[in-house]
Protein backbone atom coordinates (compact mmCIF):
# COMPACT_ATOMS: atom_id res chain seq x y z
CA MET A 1 5.74 7.83 -6.30
CA ARG A 2 7.53 10.19 -4.15
CA ALA A 3 5.91 13.24 -4.50
CA THR A 4 3.02 12.12 -4.84
CA LEU A 5 2.98 10.60 -0.93
CA GLY A 6 5.02 13.41 0.11
CA CYS A 7 8.06 11.45 0.91
CA GLY A 8 10.69 13.37 2.37
CA CYS A 9 13.37 10.29 2.71
CA PRO A 10 16.84 11.18 1.34
CA ASP A 11 17.66 10.26 -2.57
CA GLU A 12 20.15 7.49 -1.66
CA VAL A 13 16.93 6.20 -0.72
CA PHE A 14 15.52 5.49 -3.68
CA GLN A 15 18.63 4.11 -5.32
CA HIS A 16 17.14 0.68 -4.49
CA LEU A 17 13.51 -0.15 -5.32
CA VAL A 18 11.81 -3.59 -5.38
CA ILE A 19 7.65 -4.16 -6.66
CA SER A 20 6.12 -6.76 -6.51
CA ARG A 21 3.00 -8.31 -5.87
CA VAL A 22 1.01 -10.15 -3.46
CA PRO A 23 -2.22 -12.10 -4.12
CA PRO A 24 -5.37 -11.78 -2.44
CA ILE A 25 -6.00 -13.88 0.45
CA ALA A 26 -8.83 -13.85 3.32
CA GLY A 27 -11.36 -11.27 1.62
CA ARG A 28 -7.73 -9.09 1.60
CA PRO A 29 -7.54 -6.94 -1.73
CA PRO A 30 -3.89 -7.99 -3.91
CA ILE A 31 -1.08 -5.62 -3.10
CA VAL A 32 1.66 -4.03 -5.10
CA GLN A 33 4.57 -3.71 -2.67
CA LEU A 34 7.29 -1.22 -3.16
CA GLN A 35 10.19 -1.92 -0.89
CA VAL A 36 12.32 1.94 -0.60
CA GLY A 37 15.60 1.33 -0.11
CA SER A 38 15.88 -0.14 3.81
CA ARG A 39 13.27 2.09 5.33
CA LEU A 40 10.02 2.18 3.72
CA LEU A 41 7.60 -0.07 3.06
CA ILE A 42 4.47 1.60 0.74
CA HIS A 43 1.45 -1.13 0.18
CA VAL A 44 -0.86 0.03 -2.89
CA VAL A 45 -4.32 -1.40 -3.29
CA ALA A 46 -7.49 -1.29 -5.29
CA PRO A 47 -10.82 -0.57 -2.55
CA PRO A 48 -11.99 -4.36 -2.52
CA ASP A 49 -15.77 -4.15 -3.72
CA GLY A 50 -19.11 -5.47 -1.78
CA ALA A 51 -18.55 -8.12 1.16
CA ALA A 52 -15.07 -8.27 0.54
CA ALA A 53 -14.71 -4.85 2.71
CA ASN A 54 -15.64 -5.56 5.44
CA GLY A 55 -12.57 -5.11 7.95
CA TRP A 56 -10.31 -4.69 4.64
CA ILE A 57 -8.53 -1.56 5.67
CA GLU A 58 -7.65 -2.79 9.74
CA GLN A 59 -5.92 -6.29 7.91
CA LEU A 60 -4.33 -4.11 5.35
CA ALA A 61 -2.77 -1.83 8.49
CA ALA A 62 -1.85 -4.27 10.51
CA ASN A 63 -0.41 -6.40 8.29
CA GLY A 64 1.38 -4.06 6.59
CA ARG A 65 2.63 -2.63 10.30
CA THR A 66 3.52 -6.13 10.65
CA ALA A 67 5.78 -6.86 7.72
CA ARG A 68 7.05 -3.14 8.38
CA ASP A 69 8.28 -3.98 12.00
CA ARG A 70 9.49 -8.00 11.24
CA HIS A 71 11.75 -7.16 8.10
CA GLY A 72 13.43 -3.38 10.22
CA TYR A 73 11.68 -0.57 7.60
CA ASN A 74 11.15 2.49 9.40
CA ARG A 75 7.81 3.59 7.72
CA PHE A 76 5.13 1.81 6.59
CA ARG A 77 2.50 3.61 4.02
CA LEU A 78 -1.10 2.52 3.08
CA VAL A 79 -1.74 3.73 -0.45
CA ILE A 80 -5.07 3.60 -1.68
CA ALA A 81 -5.29 4.05 -5.54
CA THR A 82 -8.72 4.83 -6.77
CA THR A 83 -10.77 6.36 -9.57
CA ALA A 84 -13.47 7.43 -7.07
CA PRO A 85 -12.40 7.82 -2.81
CA PRO A 86 -14.37 4.94 -1.32
CA ALA A 87 -17.66 5.83 -0.10
CA PRO A 88 -17.01 7.57 2.53
CA ALA A 89 -13.54 8.23 2.45
CA HIS A 90 -13.45 9.95 5.76
CA GLU A 91 -14.68 6.54 7.39
CA ILE A 92 -11.73 4.81 6.65
CA ARG A 93 -9.25 7.26 7.47
CA GLU A 94 -10.92 6.75 10.54
CA ARG A 95 -11.23 2.99 11.00
CA PHE A 96 -7.37 2.93 9.54
CA ALA A 97 -6.56 5.76 12.39
CA ARG A 98 -8.32 3.65 15.26
CA ALA A 99 -5.87 0.16 13.29
CA ILE A 100 -2.83 2.04 14.08
CA VAL A 101 -3.05 3.88 17.42
CA GLY A 102 -0.29 5.11 18.96
CA ASP A 103 2.18 4.00 15.55
CA GLY A 104 3.61 7.75 14.33
CA LYS A 105 5.29 5.89 11.35
CA ALA A 106 2.08 4.31 9.37
CA HIS A 107 0.20 6.21 7.56
CA LEU A 108 -2.64 6.36 4.92
CA HIS A 109 -3.17 7.90 1.32
CA PHE A 110 -5.74 8.09 -0.82
CA VAL A 111 -4.38 8.39 -4.70
CA GLU A 112 -6.02 8.72 -7.80
CA ALA A 113 -4.78 5.62 -9.67
CA GLU A 114 -4.19 8.15 -12.95
CA ARG A 115 -1.36 9.84 -10.75
CA LEU A 116 0.54 6.44 -10.40
CA PRO A 117 2.08 5.00 -12.83
CA GLU A 118 0.11 2.08 -14.58
CA ASP A 119 2.54 -1.19 -13.43
CA LEU A 120 1.61 0.07 -9.60
CA VAL A 121 -2.25 -0.06 -10.03
CA LEU A 122 -3.97 -3.12 -9.59
CA ARG A 123 -7.77 -3.92 -10.12
CA ALA A 124 -10.06 -5.04 -7.08
CA GLN A 125 -12.07 -7.17 -9.73
CA VAL A 126 -8.89 -8.59 -12.33
CA ASP A 127 -6.89 -11.41 -12.11
CA GLN A 128 -3.20 -11.21 -11.36
CA PRO A 129 0.05 -12.27 -11.98
CA ALA A 130 1.79 -15.40 -10.26
CA PRO A 131 2.52 -14.92 -7.16
CA GLY A 132 6.06 -13.81 -6.51
CA SER A 133 6.15 -12.05 -10.20
CA LEU A 134 9.65 -9.48 -9.24
CA ARG A 135 11.21 -6.38 -10.50
CA THR A 136 13.85 -4.49 -8.89
CA VAL A 137 14.37 -1.22 -10.42
CA ALA A 138 17.49 0.64 -9.52
CA LYS A 139 19.15 3.89 -10.30
């Protein structure tokens, strides 16, 4: 994940990693949340289909920034995990940029789902594990 996103955090940041799943609510897709050390918050999502797509990127940007600030992380990265870029990707980038205007510590990434470890990819259409399922990985 580190190389895929081009993260320049020091090695010690990655010694503590917490992975949790956040269930979908109010039209927002399910999220795989990675808390990397005490510095980096990453949300991995699959783009929603159809009607659920209205406003989803703005909601994810706002929720991620709020969580980052509330918990004292330095950066927030929103990762859209997909087999093909959602149509059109440049529109999603523009919408994200408008949602985070002036925030240089929030970033958007499109990553092919196949490049991510399987346990980090959520499909928008499948049932998700029970809320609160949590896994901690430490080096």
